[in-house]
Amino acid sequence: MRRGEIEPFHFIQGNRPLLVSMPHVGTYIPANIKNKMTPEGLEINDTDWYLEELYDFLKEMDVSILIATHSRYVIDLNRDLKNQSLYPGEDVTGLVPTTTFNKKPIYKPEFDLRAVDIVDRHQYWRPYHKKLSNEIKRLKEKFVVSVLWDAHSIRSEVPRFFEGQLPDFNFGTNSGDTETLGLSQKLVAKVESNGKYSAVENGRFKGGYITRNYGDPTNGIHSVQLELSQKTYMKEHSPFVYEETLTTDIKTLLKELILTTLTMR
């Protein structure tokens, strides 16, 4: 990192067999990148807004929490360094996005994003994944069964990626490859029993790089991604207001889902 820049993540270590990762909540952009961006890019509209607030109960539950500080426009922590598509044939954003979800340019026309620029951004990717790997290793050594929960949120309607409106809770386990506990089915059932929200398992979002890369059920590490529809807790468009009137129910349900996860063996 360059002098004056902030650390690429915040980390809290817990003593229970769960690690919650939040790779897309960051809003920080280093100055040398910011001055090359368009007004649309600087709005960082595609941030996973307010997840720290929604999951604030985690600190009381003594689980490990890894929170990114840098914007996904700097580098997407949920992509691999080879920039391979997670959904071949589908429209996706890359390791270093050049357009927003609305297909607006992130960089000014005179800035040509070169391979060397992308490699330079790896300095913001590697520390997060090193910490992620080390914590998973620690949990693996301490517990027979552990879970990695990759927390995300997204606007309920993004025509670039899917038609119509997204379900409220979107659980992904790469079609069952990243967990074999029956966890995702129980999570969907828990949401449906609430009666207020919709849920799907391995629908449009099957889990990103983090879920797929670190989930290792045969060695006791199970992983699940939750892509939460932002309409359940906030205004989905600028200025992205956190809706306190909506969050009581959603936070209660999220806590129940985490408690369900902690009981899996």
C-alpha atoms as a PDB file:
ATOM      1  CA  MET A   1       0.000   0.000   0.000  1.00  0.00           C
ATOM      2  CA  ARG A   2       1.034   3.569  -0.602  1.00  0.00           C
ATOM      3  CA  ARG A   3       1.757   5.928   2.253  1.00  0.00           C
ATOM      4  CA  GLY A   4      -1.368   7.483   3.696  1.00  0.00           C
ATOM      5  CA  GLU A   5      -3.714   4.719   2.564  1.00  0.00           C
ATOM      6  CA  ILE A   6      -5.919   2.797   4.976  1.00  0.00           C
ATOM      7  CA  GLU A   7      -5.659  -0.926   5.700  1.00  0.00           C
ATOM      8  CA  PRO A   8      -7.572  -3.140   3.225  1.00  0.00           C
ATOM      9  CA  PHE A   9      -9.750  -4.805   5.890  1.00  0.00           C
ATOM     10  CA  HIS A  10     -10.973  -4.841   9.473  1.00  0.00           C
ATOM     11  CA  PHE A  11     -10.928  -8.150  11.302  1.00  0.00           C
ATOM     12  CA  ILE A  12     -12.479  -9.430  14.526  1.00  0.00           C
ATOM     13  CA  GLN A  13     -11.537 -12.910  15.659  1.00  0.00           C
ATOM     14  CA  GLY A  14     -14.183 -14.999  17.371  1.00  0.00           C
ATOM     15  CA  ASN A  15     -14.195 -18.317  19.175  1.00  0.00           C
ATOM     16  CA  ARG A  16     -17.030 -20.098  17.390  1.00  0.00           C
ATOM     17  CA  PRO A  17     -16.935 -22.102  14.123  1.00  0.00           C
ATOM     18  CA  LEU A  18     -18.136 -19.326  11.833  1.00  0.00           C
ATOM     19  CA  LEU A  19     -16.390 -16.706   9.716  1.00  0.00           C
ATOM     20  CA  VAL A  20     -18.487 -13.951   8.122  1.00  0.00           C
ATOM     21  CA  SER A  21     -16.857 -12.227   5.153  1.00  0.00           C
ATOM     22  CA  MET A  22     -18.053  -8.880   3.744  1.00  0.00           C
ATOM     23  CA  PRO A  23     -15.952  -8.233   0.622  1.00  0.00           C
ATOM     24  CA  HIS A  24     -18.098  -5.562  -1.038  1.00  0.00           C
ATOM     25  CA  VAL A  25     -18.923  -3.140   1.784  1.00  0.00           C
ATOM     26  CA  GLY A  26     -15.832  -0.971   1.346  1.00  0.00           C
ATOM     27  CA  THR A  27     -16.085   2.609   0.093  1.00  0.00           C
ATOM     28  CA  TYR A  28     -12.465   3.761   0.198  1.00  0.00           C
ATOM     29  CA  ILE A  29     -10.708   4.601  -3.086  1.00  0.00           C
ATOM     30  CA  PRO A  30      -7.011   5.574  -3.122  1.00  0.00           C
ATOM     31  CA  ALA A  31      -6.373   9.071  -4.478  1.00  0.00           C
ATOM     32  CA  ASN A  32      -4.349   7.886  -7.474  1.00  0.00           C
ATOM     33  CA  ILE A  33      -7.346   5.844  -8.646  1.00  0.00           C
ATOM     34  CA  LYS A  34     -10.046   8.308  -7.660  1.00  0.00           C
ATOM     35  CA  ASN A  35      -8.660  11.095  -9.864  1.00  0.00           C
ATOM     36  CA  LYS A  36      -9.100   8.882 -12.936  1.00  0.00           C
ATOM     37  CA  MET A  37     -12.751   8.058 -12.288  1.00  0.00           C
ATOM     38  CA  THR A  38     -15.969   9.466 -13.729  1.00  0.00           C
ATOM     39  CA  PRO A  39     -18.636  11.116 -11.566  1.00  0.00           C
ATOM     40  CA  GLU A  40     -20.705   7.916 -11.969  1.00  0.00           C
ATOM     41  CA  GLY A  41     -17.795   5.821 -10.772  1.00  0.00           C
ATOM     42  CA  LEU A  42     -17.222   8.018  -7.747  1.00  0.00           C
ATOM     43  CA  GLU A  43     -20.808   7.432  -6.633  1.00  0.00           C
ATOM     44  CA  ILE A  44     -19.859   3.754  -5.982  1.00  0.00           C
ATOM     45  CA  ASN A  45     -23.514   2.815  -6.473  1.00  0.00           C
ATOM     46  CA  ASP A  46     -22.769  -0.909  -6.519  1.00  0.00           C
ATOM     47  CA  THR A  47     -21.563  -1.074  -2.925  1.00  0.00           C
ATOM     48  CA  ASP A  48     -23.118  -3.646  -0.573  1.00  0.00           C
ATOM     49  CA  TRP A  49     -24.499  -0.850   1.565  1.00  0.00           C
ATOM     50  CA  TYR A  50     -24.980  -1.052   5.361  1.00  0.00           C
ATOM     51  CA  LEU A  51     -24.159  -4.722   5.868  1.00  0.00           C
ATOM     52  CA  GLU A  52     -22.084  -3.866   8.936  1.00  0.00           C
ATOM     53  CA  GLU A  53     -25.173  -2.276  10.476  1.00  0.00           C
ATOM     54  CA  LEU A  54     -27.424  -5.194   9.514  1.00  0.00           C
ATOM     55  CA  TYR A  55     -25.012  -7.743  10.951  1.00  0.00           C
ATOM     56  CA  ASP A  56     -23.996  -5.721  14.012  1.00  0.00           C
ATOM     57  CA  PHE A  57     -25.265  -8.531  16.257  1.00  0.00           C
ATOM     58  CA  LEU A  58     -22.318 -10.692  15.150  1.00  0.00           C
ATOM     59  CA  LYS A  59     -19.965  -9.061  17.640  1.00  0.00           C
ATOM     60  CA  GLU A  60     -22.109 -10.365  20.494  1.00  0.00           C
ATOM     61  CA  MET A  61     -22.123 -13.876  19.007  1.00  0.00           C
ATOM     62  CA  ASP A  62     -18.348 -14.349  19.240  1.00  0.00           C
ATOM     63  CA  VAL A  63     -17.837 -15.235  15.573  1.00  0.00           C
ATOM     64  CA  SER A  64     -15.024 -14.091  13.289  1.00  0.00           C
ATOM     65  CA  ILE A  65     -15.761 -11.135  10.999  1.00  0.00           C
ATOM     66  CA  LEU A  66     -13.725  -9.933   8.017  1.00  0.00           C
ATOM     67  CA  ILE A  67     -14.768  -6.584   6.528  1.00  0.00           C
ATOM     68  CA  ALA A  68     -13.277  -4.993   3.409  1.00  0.00           C
ATOM     69  CA  THR A  69     -12.503  -1.272   3.478  1.00  0.00           C
ATOM     70  CA  HIS A  70     -11.792  -0.628  -0.224  1.00  0.00           C
ATOM     71  CA  SER A  71     -14.469  -0.219  -2.876  1.00  0.00           C
ATOM     72  CA  ARG A  72     -15.131  -3.108  -5.245  1.00  0.00           C
ATOM     73  CA  TYR A  73     -14.288  -0.594  -8.009  1.00  0.00           C
ATOM     74  CA  VAL A  74     -10.686  -0.665  -6.801  1.00  0.00           C
ATOM     75  CA  ILE A  75     -10.607  -4.448  -7.089  1.00  0.00           C
ATOM     76  CA  ASP A  76     -13.328  -7.039  -6.685  1.00  0.00           C
ATOM     77  CA  LEU A  77     -12.381  -9.334  -3.828  1.00  0.00           C
ATOM     78  CA  ASN A  78     -14.988 -11.853  -4.953  1.00  0.00           C
ATOM     79  CA  ARG A  79     -13.181 -12.592  -8.238  1.00  0.00           C
ATOM     80  CA  ASP A  80     -10.020 -14.595  -8.731  1.00  0.00           C
ATOM     81  CA  LEU A  81      -6.800 -12.986  -9.910  1.00  0.00           C
ATOM     82  CA  LYS A  82      -7.064 -14.751 -13.277  1.00  0.00           C
ATOM     83  CA  ASN A  83     -10.360 -12.914 -13.832  1.00  0.00           C
ATOM     84  CA  GLN A  84     -12.196 -16.047 -14.916  1.00  0.00           C
ATOM     85  CA  SER A  85     -15.961 -15.649 -15.313  1.00  0.00           C
ATOM     86  CA  LEU A  86     -18.062 -17.129 -12.539  1.00  0.00           C
ATOM     87  CA  TYR A  87     -21.010 -17.434 -14.904  1.00  0.00           C
ATOM     88  CA  PRO A  88     -19.767 -18.291 -18.407  1.00  0.00           C
ATOM     89  CA  GLY A  89     -22.029 -16.835 -21.059  1.00  0.00           C
ATOM     90  CA  GLU A  90     -23.609 -14.339 -18.654  1.00  0.00           C
ATOM     91  CA  ASP A  91     -22.858 -10.630 -18.418  1.00  0.00           C
ATOM     92  CA  VAL A  92     -20.573 -10.138 -15.398  1.00  0.00           C
ATOM     93  CA  THR A  93     -18.229  -7.517 -13.973  1.00  0.00           C
ATOM     94  CA  GLY A  94     -14.552  -8.380 -13.731  1.00  0.00           C
ATOM     95  CA  LEU A  95     -11.699  -8.335 -11.262  1.00  0.00           C
ATOM     96  CA  VAL A  96     -11.235  -4.606 -11.862  1.00  0.00           C
ATOM     97  CA  PRO A  97     -14.622  -3.332 -13.076  1.00  0.00           C
ATOM     98  CA  THR A  98     -14.642  -0.723 -15.830  1.00  0.00           C
ATOM     99  CA  THR A  99     -18.417  -0.204 -15.910  1.00  0.00           C
ATOM    100  CA  THR A 100     -21.087   0.037 -13.231  1.00  0.00           C
ATOM    101  CA  PHE A 101     -24.006  -2.379 -12.945  1.00  0.00           C
ATOM    102  CA  ASN A 102     -25.898   0.166 -15.088  1.00  0.00           C
ATOM    103  CA  LYS A 103     -23.115  -0.034 -17.698  1.00  0.00           C
ATOM    104  CA  LYS A 104     -21.873   3.487 -17.009  1.00  0.00           C
ATOM    105  CA  PRO A 105     -18.094   3.976 -17.422  1.00  0.00           C
ATOM    106  CA  ILE A 106     -16.148   4.022 -14.177  1.00  0.00           C
ATOM    107  CA  TYR A 107     -13.080   5.692 -15.711  1.00  0.00           C
ATOM    108  CA  LYS A 108     -12.638   8.852 -17.719  1.00  0.00           C
ATOM    109  CA  PRO A 109     -12.162   8.305 -21.475  1.00  0.00           C
ATOM    110  CA  GLU A 110      -8.518   9.375 -21.381  1.00  0.00           C
ATOM    111  CA  PHE A 111      -7.671   6.685 -18.818  1.00  0.00           C
ATOM    112  CA  ASP A 112      -6.787   3.386 -20.443  1.00  0.00           C
ATOM    113  CA  LEU A 113      -6.919   0.562 -17.897  1.00  0.00           C
ATOM    114  CA  ARG A 114      -3.844  -1.476 -18.764  1.00  0.00           C
ATOM    115  CA  ALA A 115      -2.718  -4.899 -17.604  1.00  0.00           C
ATOM    116  CA  VAL A 116      -0.052  -3.263 -15.456  1.00  0.00           C
ATOM    117  CA  ASP A 117      -2.729  -1.219 -13.684  1.00  0.00           C
ATOM    118  CA  ILE A 118      -4.706  -4.357 -12.890  1.00  0.00           C
ATOM    119  CA  VAL A 119      -1.638  -6.121 -11.529  1.00  0.00           C
ATOM    120  CA  ASP A 120      -0.930  -3.089  -9.344  1.00  0.00           C
ATOM    121  CA  ARG A 121      -4.388  -3.480  -7.817  1.00  0.00           C
ATOM    122  CA  HIS A 122      -3.482  -6.976  -6.612  1.00  0.00           C
ATOM    123  CA  GLN A 123      -1.917  -5.296  -3.577  1.00  0.00           C
ATOM    124  CA  TYR A 124      -5.437  -4.634  -2.301  1.00  0.00           C
ATOM    125  CA  TRP A 125      -6.678  -8.172  -3.045  1.00  0.00           C
ATOM    126  CA  ARG A 126      -3.938 -10.278  -1.514  1.00  0.00           C
ATOM    127  CA  PRO A 127      -4.127  -9.085   2.142  1.00  0.00           C
ATOM    128  CA  TYR A 128      -7.862  -9.801   2.374  1.00  0.00           C
ATOM    129  CA  HIS A 129      -7.453 -13.295   0.991  1.00  0.00           C
ATOM    130  CA  LYS A 130      -4.412 -14.004   3.124  1.00  0.00           C
ATOM    131  CA  LYS A 131      -6.400 -13.142   6.240  1.00  0.00           C
ATOM    132  CA  LEU A 132      -9.365 -15.152   4.950  1.00  0.00           C
ATOM    133  CA  SER A 133      -7.155 -18.187   4.311  1.00  0.00           C
ATOM    134  CA  ASN A 134      -5.404 -17.932   7.662  1.00  0.00           C
ATOM    135  CA  GLU A 135      -8.646 -17.681   9.608  1.00  0.00           C
ATOM    136  CA  ILE A 136     -10.165 -20.619   7.757  1.00  0.00           C
ATOM    137  CA  LYS A 137      -7.050 -22.633   8.527  1.00  0.00           C
ATOM    138  CA  ARG A 138      -7.367 -21.719  12.220  1.00  0.00           C
ATOM    139  CA  LEU A 139     -11.039 -22.738  12.310  1.00  0.00           C
ATOM    140  CA  LYS A 140     -10.253 -25.961  10.509  1.00  0.00           C
ATOM    141  CA  GLU A 141      -7.641 -26.853  13.133  1.00  0.00           C
ATOM    142  CA  LYS A 142      -9.963 -25.989  16.020  1.00  0.00           C
ATOM    143  CA  PHE A 143     -13.317 -27.373  14.884  1.00  0.00           C
ATOM    144  CA  VAL A 144     -14.519 -30.501  13.083  1.00  0.00           C
ATOM    145  CA  VAL A 145     -17.071 -28.443  11.150  1.00  0.00           C
ATOM    146  CA  SER A 146     -16.878 -24.711  10.348  1.00  0.00           C
ATOM    147  CA  VAL A 147     -18.836 -22.408   8.049  1.00  0.00           C
ATOM    148  CA  LEU A 148     -17.782 -19.469   5.908  1.00  0.00           C
ATOM    149  CA  TRP A 149     -20.699 -17.070   5.362  1.00  0.00           C
ATOM    150  CA  ASP A 150     -20.068 -14.611   2.535  1.00  0.00           C
ATOM    151  CA  ALA A 151     -22.388 -11.642   3.051  1.00  0.00           C
ATOM    152  CA  HIS A 152     -23.581  -9.535   0.112  1.00  0.00           C
ATOM    153  CA  SER A 153     -26.458  -7.336  -0.967  1.00  0.00           C
ATOM    154  CA  ILE A 154     -27.679  -6.009  -4.309  1.00  0.00           C
ATOM    155  CA  ARG A 155     -30.462  -3.919  -5.777  1.00  0.00           C
ATOM    156  CA  SER A 156     -33.624  -5.912  -6.324  1.00  0.00           C
ATOM    157  CA  GLU A 157     -33.648  -5.044 -10.026  1.00  0.00           C
ATOM    158  CA  VAL A 158     -30.483  -5.048 -12.135  1.00  0.00           C
ATOM    159  CA  PRO A 159     -31.455  -5.796 -15.763  1.00  0.00           C
ATOM    160  CA  ARG A 160     -27.803  -6.306 -16.696  1.00  0.00           C
ATOM    161  CA  PHE A 161     -27.651  -9.472 -14.601  1.00  0.00           C
ATOM    162  CA  PHE A 162     -31.196 -10.811 -14.298  1.00  0.00           C
ATOM    163  CA  GLU A 163     -34.749 -10.222 -15.479  1.00  0.00           C
ATOM    164  CA  GLY A 164     -37.440  -8.890 -13.205  1.00  0.00           C
ATOM    165  CA  GLN A 165     -37.111  -8.649  -9.449  1.00  0.00           C
ATOM    166  CA  LEU A 166     -34.700 -10.724  -7.401  1.00  0.00           C
ATOM    167  CA  PRO A 167     -35.987 -12.783  -4.451  1.00  0.00           C
ATOM    168  CA  ASP A 168     -35.260 -11.227  -1.063  1.00  0.00           C
ATOM    169  CA  PHE A 169     -32.804 -13.885   0.132  1.00  0.00           C
ATOM    170  CA  ASN A 170     -30.530 -15.551  -2.435  1.00  0.00           C
ATOM    171  CA  PHE A 171     -28.416 -18.368  -1.021  1.00  0.00           C
ATOM    172  CA  GLY A 172     -25.581 -19.810  -3.091  1.00  0.00           C
ATOM    173  CA  THR A 173     -23.470 -22.924  -2.594  1.00  0.00           C
ATOM    174  CA  ASN A 174     -22.360 -23.487  -6.196  1.00  0.00           C
ATOM    175  CA  SER A 175     -25.240 -25.922  -6.679  1.00  0.00           C
ATOM    176  CA  GLY A 176     -24.367 -27.809  -3.499  1.00  0.00           C
ATOM    177  CA  ASP A 177     -20.628 -28.150  -4.035  1.00  0.00           C
ATOM    178  CA  THR A 178     -19.537 -25.861  -1.187  1.00  0.00           C
ATOM    179  CA  GLU A 179     -21.576 -27.287   1.677  1.00  0.00           C
ATOM    180  CA  THR A 180     -22.963 -30.736   2.415  1.00  0.00           C
ATOM    181  CA  LEU A 181     -24.727 -30.073   5.714  1.00  0.00           C
ATOM    182  CA  GLY A 182     -28.113 -29.296   4.198  1.00  0.00           C
ATOM    183  CA  LEU A 183     -27.544 -25.769   5.466  1.00  0.00           C
ATOM    184  CA  SER A 184     -28.838 -23.832   2.468  1.00  0.00           C
ATOM    185  CA  GLN A 185     -32.104 -25.792   2.462  1.00  0.00           C
ATOM    186  CA  LYS A 186     -32.592 -25.033   6.141  1.00  0.00           C
ATOM    187  CA  LEU A 187     -31.855 -21.370   5.569  1.00  0.00           C
ATOM    188  CA  VAL A 188     -34.417 -21.147   2.773  1.00  0.00           C
ATOM    189  CA  ALA A 189     -36.972 -22.946   4.941  1.00  0.00           C
ATOM    190  CA  LYS A 190     -36.283 -20.545   7.806  1.00  0.00           C
ATOM    191  CA  VAL A 191     -36.913 -17.524   5.572  1.00  0.00           C
ATOM    192  CA  GLU A 192     -40.064 -19.033   4.096  1.00  0.00           C
ATOM    193  CA  SER A 193     -41.435 -19.885   7.545  1.00  0.00           C
ATOM    194  CA  ASN A 194     -41.089 -16.212   8.459  1.00  0.00           C
ATOM    195  CA  GLY A 195     -43.763 -15.495   5.854  1.00  0.00           C
ATOM    196  CA  LYS A 196     -42.607 -11.976   5.030  1.00  0.00           C
ATOM    197  CA  TYR A 197     -39.738 -12.590   2.618  1.00  0.00           C
ATOM    198  CA  SER A 198     -38.976 -14.711  -0.436  1.00  0.00           C
ATOM    199  CA  ALA A 199     -35.944 -16.991  -0.742  1.00  0.00           C
ATOM    200  CA  VAL A 200     -34.161 -19.145  -3.302  1.00  0.00           C
ATOM    201  CA  GLU A 201     -31.266 -21.577  -3.253  1.00  0.00           C
ATOM    202  CA  ASN A 202     -28.720 -21.476  -6.111  1.00  0.00           C
ATOM    203  CA  GLY A 203     -30.838 -19.275  -8.334  1.00  0.00           C
ATOM    204  CA  ARG A 204     -29.249 -16.428 -10.287  1.00  0.00           C
ATOM    205  CA  PHE A 205     -26.474 -16.192  -7.677  1.00  0.00           C
ATOM    206  CA  LYS A 206     -24.754 -19.467  -6.861  1.00  0.00           C
ATOM    207  CA  GLY A 207     -21.882 -18.018  -4.849  1.00  0.00           C
ATOM    208  CA  GLY A 208     -18.857 -16.075  -6.007  1.00  0.00           C
ATOM    209  CA  TYR A 209     -15.151 -16.796  -5.945  1.00  0.00           C
ATOM    210  CA  ILE A 210     -14.896 -16.691  -2.151  1.00  0.00           C
ATOM    211  CA  THR A 211     -17.691 -19.204  -1.636  1.00  0.00           C
ATOM    212  CA  ARG A 212     -16.436 -21.506  -4.365  1.00  0.00           C
ATOM    213  CA  ASN A 213     -12.735 -21.271  -3.604  1.00  0.00           C
ATOM    214  CA  TYR A 214     -12.801 -21.669   0.167  1.00  0.00           C
ATOM    215  CA  GLY A 215     -15.700 -24.067   0.588  1.00  0.00           C
ATOM    216  CA  ASP A 216     -14.119 -27.467   1.263  1.00  0.00           C
ATOM    217  CA  PRO A 217     -16.762 -29.761   2.762  1.00  0.00           C
ATOM    218  CA  THR A 218     -14.591 -32.887   2.693  1.00  0.00           C
ATOM    219  CA  ASN A 219     -12.216 -31.109   5.061  1.00  0.00           C
ATOM    220  CA  GLY A 220     -14.887 -29.612   7.304  1.00  0.00           C
ATOM    221  CA  ILE A 221     -15.133 -26.134   5.779  1.00  0.00           C
ATOM    222  CA  HIS A 222     -18.586 -25.392   4.394  1.00  0.00           C
ATOM    223  CA  SER A 223     -19.445 -22.129   2.667  1.00  0.00           C
ATOM    224  CA  VAL A 224     -22.585 -20.262   1.700  1.00  0.00           C
ATOM    225  CA  GLN A 225     -23.186 -16.883   0.108  1.00  0.00           C
ATOM    226  CA  LEU A 226     -26.173 -14.720   0.909  1.00  0.00           C
ATOM    227  CA  GLU A 227     -27.085 -12.090  -1.654  1.00  0.00           C
ATOM    228  CA  LEU A 228     -29.702 -10.007   0.133  1.00  0.00           C
ATOM    229  CA  SER A 229     -32.066  -7.778  -1.822  1.00  0.00           C
ATOM    230  CA  GLN A 230     -31.464  -4.194  -0.746  1.00  0.00           C
ATOM    231  CA  LYS A 231     -35.135  -3.306  -0.914  1.00  0.00           C
ATOM    232  CA  THR A 232     -35.591  -5.273   2.298  1.00  0.00           C
ATOM    233  CA  TYR A 233     -33.691  -2.711   4.351  1.00  0.00           C
ATOM    234  CA  MET A 234     -32.848   0.488   2.433  1.00  0.00           C
ATOM    235  CA  LYS A 235     -33.629   2.878  -0.379  1.00  0.00           C
ATOM    236  CA  GLU A 236     -31.993   1.270  -3.403  1.00  0.00           C
ATOM    237  CA  HIS A 237     -31.061   4.476  -5.185  1.00  0.00           C
ATOM    238  CA  SER A 238     -28.994   7.504  -4.230  1.00  0.00           C
ATOM    239  CA  PRO A 239     -28.671   8.706  -1.503  1.00  0.00           C
ATOM    240  CA  PHE A 240     -29.094   5.062  -0.362  1.00  0.00           C
ATOM    241  CA  VAL A 241     -30.928   5.721   2.879  1.00  0.00           C
ATOM    242  CA  TYR A 242     -30.878   3.038   5.584  1.00  0.00           C
ATOM    243  CA  GLU A 243     -34.531   2.394   6.497  1.00  0.00           C
ATOM    244  CA  GLU A 244     -34.754   1.892  10.250  1.00  0.00           C
ATOM    245  CA  THR A 245     -38.446   0.993   9.939  1.00  0.00           C
ATOM    246  CA  LEU A 246     -37.538  -2.031   7.809  1.00  0.00           C
ATOM    247  CA  THR A 247     -34.488  -3.292   9.623  1.00  0.00           C
ATOM    248  CA  THR A 248     -35.971  -4.640  12.854  1.00  0.00           C
ATOM    249  CA  ASP A 249     -37.572  -7.625  11.126  1.00  0.00           C
ATOM    250  CA  ILE A 250     -34.715  -8.241   8.721  1.00  0.00           C
ATOM    251  CA  LYS A 251     -32.073  -8.159  11.460  1.00  0.00           C
ATOM    252  CA  THR A 252     -34.098 -10.536  13.614  1.00  0.00           C
ATOM    253  CA  LEU A 253     -34.323 -12.986  10.724  1.00  0.00           C
ATOM    254  CA  LEU A 254     -30.638 -12.634   9.862  1.00  0.00           C
ATOM    255  CA  LYS A 255     -29.753 -13.425  13.468  1.00  0.00           C
ATOM    256  CA  GLU A 256     -31.945 -16.532  13.311  1.00  0.00           C
ATOM    257  CA  LEU A 257     -30.174 -17.606  10.137  1.00  0.00           C
ATOM    258  CA  ILE A 258     -26.765 -17.189  11.744  1.00  0.00           C
ATOM    259  CA  LEU A 259     -27.907 -19.136  14.814  1.00  0.00           C
ATOM    260  CA  THR A 260     -29.165 -21.893  12.525  1.00  0.00           C
ATOM    261  CA  THR A 261     -25.755 -21.943  10.839  1.00  0.00           C
ATOM    262  CA  LEU A 262     -23.971 -22.266  14.173  1.00  0.00           C
ATOM    263  CA  THR A 263     -26.027 -25.353  15.076  1.00  0.00           C
ATOM    264  CA  MET A 264     -25.037 -27.270  11.925  1.00  0.00           C
ATOM    265  CA  ARG A 265     -22.783 -30.274  12.444  1.00  0.00           C
END
